[in-house]
N, C-alpha and C. Protein backbone atom coordinates (compact mmCIF):
# COMPACT_ATOMS: atom_id res chain seq x y z
N MET A 1 -50.85 -10.53 -6.17
CA MET A 1 -52.18 -10.67 -6.87
C MET A 1 -51.97 -9.83 -8.03
N PHE A 2 -52.86 -10.49 -9.06
CA PHE A 2 -52.91 -9.81 -10.39
C PHE A 2 -54.17 -9.60 -11.19
N TRP A 3 -54.66 -9.36 -12.08
CA TRP A 3 -55.78 -9.15 -12.70
C TRP A 3 -55.78 -9.69 -14.11
N GLU A 4 -56.90 -10.46 -14.82
CA GLU A 4 -56.86 -10.87 -15.97
C GLU A 4 -58.52 -10.40 -16.51
N ASP A 5 -58.21 -9.88 -17.59
CA ASP A 5 -59.34 -9.62 -18.26
C ASP A 5 -59.49 -10.20 -19.51
N GLY A 6 -60.77 -10.18 -19.95
CA GLY A 6 -60.91 -11.02 -21.43
C GLY A 6 -62.47 -11.02 -21.83
N GLU A 7 -62.75 -11.52 -22.89
CA GLU A 7 -64.20 -11.88 -23.61
C GLU A 7 -64.45 -13.29 -23.73
N LEU A 8 -65.53 -13.71 -23.68
CA LEU A 8 -65.80 -14.87 -24.22
C LEU A 8 -67.38 -14.65 -24.83
N THR A 9 -67.60 -15.41 -25.85
CA THR A 9 -68.60 -15.55 -26.58
C THR A 9 -69.66 -16.84 -26.53
N VAL A 10 -70.52 -16.75 -26.02
CA VAL A 10 -71.43 -18.10 -25.91
C VAL A 10 -72.94 -17.70 -26.63
N LYS A 11 -72.99 -18.76 -27.51
CA LYS A 11 -74.40 -18.45 -28.33
C LYS A 11 -74.65 -17.19 -28.99
N ASN A 12 -73.49 -16.65 -29.26
CA ASN A 12 -73.72 -15.33 -29.92
C ASN A 12 -73.68 -14.24 -29.01
N VAL A 13 -73.72 -14.40 -27.80
CA VAL A 13 -73.75 -13.59 -26.62
C VAL A 13 -72.38 -13.01 -26.08
N LEU A 14 -71.93 -11.77 -26.08
CA LEU A 14 -70.41 -11.39 -25.76
C LEU A 14 -70.63 -11.13 -24.23
N TYR A 15 -69.78 -11.60 -23.50
CA TYR A 15 -69.49 -11.45 -22.10
C TYR A 15 -68.06 -10.89 -21.82
N ASP A 16 -68.04 -9.85 -20.80
CA ASP A 16 -66.42 -9.31 -20.64
C ASP A 16 -66.43 -9.96 -19.10
N TYR A 17 -65.12 -10.24 -19.02
CA TYR A 17 -64.94 -10.86 -17.42
C TYR A 17 -63.72 -9.97 -17.10
N HIS A 18 -63.43 -9.61 -15.42
CA HIS A 18 -62.45 -8.98 -14.84
C HIS A 18 -62.50 -9.74 -13.75
N VAL A 19 -61.10 -10.36 -13.75
CA VAL A 19 -60.54 -11.39 -12.35
C VAL A 19 -59.42 -11.05 -11.49
N ARG A 20 -59.54 -10.88 -10.48
CA ARG A 20 -58.25 -10.81 -10.02
C ARG A 20 -57.85 -11.81 -8.95
N MET A 21 -56.87 -12.27 -9.30
CA MET A 21 -56.25 -13.82 -8.75
C MET A 21 -55.21 -13.51 -7.41
N LEU A 22 -55.09 -14.50 -6.62
CA LEU A 22 -54.28 -14.62 -5.50
C LEU A 22 -52.89 -15.62 -6.35
N LYS A 23 -51.78 -15.49 -5.78
CA LYS A 23 -50.88 -16.53 -6.61
C LYS A 23 -51.18 -17.89 -6.19
N VAL A 24 -51.70 -18.20 -4.85
CA VAL A 24 -52.04 -19.57 -4.53
C VAL A 24 -53.27 -19.34 -3.84
N ALA A 25 -53.99 -20.50 -4.08
CA ALA A 25 -55.37 -20.44 -3.37
C ALA A 25 -55.64 -20.19 -1.99
N SER A 26 -56.55 -19.77 -1.70
CA SER A 26 -56.86 -19.05 -0.34
C SER A 26 -58.32 -18.99 0.27
N GLY A 27 -58.54 -18.85 1.62
CA GLY A 27 -59.82 -19.22 1.86
C GLY A 27 -60.54 -18.01 1.84
N ASN A 28 -60.16 -17.12 1.40
CA ASN A 28 -60.81 -15.78 0.62
C ASN A 28 -61.40 -15.86 -0.79
N GLY A 29 -60.75 -16.81 -1.52
CA GLY A 29 -61.15 -16.86 -2.94
C GLY A 29 -62.47 -17.83 -2.92
N ILE A 30 -62.74 -17.88 -4.15
CA ILE A 30 -63.98 -18.68 -4.61
C ILE A 30 -63.99 -20.04 -4.20
N ASP A 31 -64.66 -20.75 -3.41
CA ASP A 31 -64.80 -21.97 -3.04
C ASP A 31 -63.13 -22.36 -2.67
N GLY A 32 -62.62 -21.79 -2.19
CA GLY A 32 -61.01 -21.70 -1.63
C GLY A 32 -60.04 -21.74 -2.58
N GLY A 33 -60.34 -21.15 -3.84
CA GLY A 33 -59.70 -20.91 -4.83
C GLY A 33 -58.64 -19.82 -4.98
N LYS A 34 -58.39 -19.48 -6.12
CA LYS A 34 -57.09 -18.34 -6.22
C LYS A 34 -57.93 -17.02 -6.41
N ILE A 35 -59.13 -17.09 -7.13
CA ILE A 35 -60.04 -15.69 -7.34
C ILE A 35 -60.66 -15.06 -5.85
N ASN A 36 -60.21 -13.91 -5.85
CA ASN A 36 -61.16 -13.20 -4.75
C ASN A 36 -62.07 -12.08 -5.09
N LYS A 37 -61.87 -11.55 -6.30
CA LYS A 37 -62.31 -10.72 -6.92
C LYS A 37 -63.01 -11.05 -8.41
N LEU A 38 -64.07 -11.15 -8.79
CA LEU A 38 -64.68 -11.32 -9.90
C LEU A 38 -65.83 -10.18 -10.79
N ASN A 39 -65.87 -10.00 -11.70
CA ASN A 39 -66.93 -9.51 -12.47
C ASN A 39 -67.17 -10.04 -13.76
N VAL A 40 -68.49 -10.39 -13.92
CA VAL A 40 -68.54 -10.99 -15.43
C VAL A 40 -69.74 -9.96 -15.77
N LEU A 41 -69.74 -9.74 -17.00
CA LEU A 41 -70.74 -8.77 -17.44
C LEU A 41 -71.24 -8.97 -18.89
N ARG A 42 -72.55 -8.87 -18.96
CA ARG A 42 -73.41 -9.18 -20.33
C ARG A 42 -74.01 -7.88 -20.75
N ASP A 43 -73.63 -7.07 -21.96
CA ASP A 43 -74.17 -5.68 -22.25
C ASP A 43 -74.09 -4.89 -21.23
N GLY A 44 -72.64 -4.91 -20.56
CA GLY A 44 -72.54 -3.98 -19.43
C GLY A 44 -73.10 -4.15 -18.30
N VAL A 45 -73.73 -5.19 -18.29
CA VAL A 45 -74.65 -5.46 -16.79
C VAL A 45 -73.88 -6.36 -15.98
N SER A 46 -73.61 -6.54 -14.72
CA SER A 46 -72.88 -7.52 -14.20
C SER A 46 -74.22 -8.59 -13.68
N ILE A 47 -73.47 -9.69 -14.17
CA ILE A 47 -74.28 -11.15 -14.05
C ILE A 47 -73.62 -12.07 -13.07
N ALA A 48 -72.44 -11.83 -12.67
CA ALA A 48 -71.80 -12.57 -11.62
C ALA A 48 -70.78 -11.17 -11.29
N ARG A 49 -70.88 -11.35 -9.63
CA ARG A 49 -70.07 -10.19 -8.96
C ARG A 49 -69.33 -11.02 -7.78
N TYR A 50 -68.19 -11.12 -7.39
CA TYR A 50 -67.64 -11.48 -6.18
C TYR A 50 -66.58 -10.87 -5.75
N ASP A 51 -66.84 -10.27 -4.57
CA ASP A 51 -65.83 -9.32 -3.75
C ASP A 51 -65.50 -10.10 -2.42
N TYR A 52 -64.92 -11.20 -2.50
CA TYR A 52 -64.50 -11.67 -0.72
C TYR A 52 -66.30 -12.45 -0.50
N GLY A 53 -67.03 -12.46 -1.37
CA GLY A 53 -68.36 -12.80 -1.20
C GLY A 53 -69.46 -12.68 -2.31
N TRP A 54 -70.13 -13.54 -2.49
CA TRP A 54 -71.19 -13.04 -3.79
C TRP A 54 -71.68 -11.87 -3.60
N GLU A 55 -71.82 -10.85 -4.51
CA GLU A 55 -72.72 -9.78 -4.31
C GLU A 55 -73.91 -10.17 -5.53
N VAL A 56 -73.59 -10.67 -6.56
CA VAL A 56 -74.20 -10.98 -7.71
C VAL A 56 -73.94 -12.28 -8.12
N TYR A 57 -75.06 -13.11 -8.23
CA TYR A 57 -75.08 -14.56 -8.91
C TYR A 57 -75.91 -14.91 -9.94
N PRO A 58 -75.30 -15.37 -11.15
CA PRO A 58 -76.24 -15.84 -12.29
C PRO A 58 -77.21 -16.58 -11.56
N ASP A 59 -78.56 -15.92 -12.64
CA ASP A 59 -79.84 -16.80 -12.27
C ASP A 59 -80.44 -17.22 -13.73
N ASP A 60 -79.49 -17.21 -14.67
CA ASP A 60 -80.08 -17.86 -16.03
C ASP A 60 -78.83 -18.70 -16.38
N GLU A 61 -79.43 -19.84 -17.06
CA GLU A 61 -78.27 -20.92 -17.13
C GLU A 61 -77.32 -20.63 -18.02
N LEU A 62 -77.63 -20.00 -19.30
CA LEU A 62 -76.37 -19.39 -19.99
C LEU A 62 -75.59 -18.39 -19.38
N ASP A 63 -75.83 -17.76 -18.50
CA ASP A 63 -75.06 -16.98 -17.59
C ASP A 63 -74.12 -17.81 -16.63
N LEU A 64 -74.77 -18.73 -16.25
CA LEU A 64 -74.10 -19.87 -15.18
C LEU A 64 -73.22 -20.63 -15.86
N SER A 65 -73.43 -20.87 -17.08
CA SER A 65 -72.38 -21.42 -17.95
C SER A 65 -71.04 -20.76 -18.35
N VAL A 66 -71.21 -19.44 -18.45
CA VAL A 66 -70.09 -18.53 -18.46
C VAL A 66 -69.64 -18.46 -17.30
N LEU A 67 -69.79 -18.14 -16.09
CA LEU A 67 -69.13 -18.25 -14.68
C LEU A 67 -68.62 -19.45 -14.54
N GLU A 68 -69.10 -20.62 -15.19
CA GLU A 68 -68.45 -21.83 -14.94
C GLU A 68 -67.09 -22.05 -15.50
N GLU A 69 -67.36 -21.41 -17.00
CA GLU A 69 -65.99 -21.54 -17.84
C GLU A 69 -65.16 -20.70 -17.05
N VAL A 70 -65.21 -19.22 -16.52
CA VAL A 70 -64.03 -18.50 -15.98
C VAL A 70 -63.68 -19.11 -14.81
N LEU A 71 -64.35 -19.81 -13.91
CA LEU A 71 -63.98 -20.40 -12.75
C LEU A 71 -63.18 -21.56 -12.90
N ARG A 72 -63.56 -22.29 -14.11
CA ARG A 72 -62.64 -23.72 -14.56
C ARG A 72 -61.37 -23.06 -14.92
N GLU A 73 -61.15 -21.81 -15.82
CA GLU A 73 -59.93 -21.25 -16.31
C GLU A 73 -58.86 -20.70 -15.31
N PHE A 74 -59.60 -19.83 -14.28
CA PHE A 74 -58.77 -19.06 -13.22
C PHE A 74 -58.70 -19.73 -11.87
N ASN A 75 -59.67 -20.33 -11.31
CA ASN A 75 -59.66 -20.57 -9.93
C ASN A 75 -58.96 -21.77 -9.82
């Protein structure tokens, strides 16, 4: 397992993300993928959080697009 941290800017909005990934895809990962812990923040507030299950899920189109970008990159 390892962590990946980073930032994304979408439409002049800064997002931070923290992703914990397994070396291989797993049933514990998001959609059977490698990410088993995830936190995406906008202005210091979680807009998406996964810890072996969804705790916070985006309800905004822009936030959802950022989550999808992170999943494409790491899952």
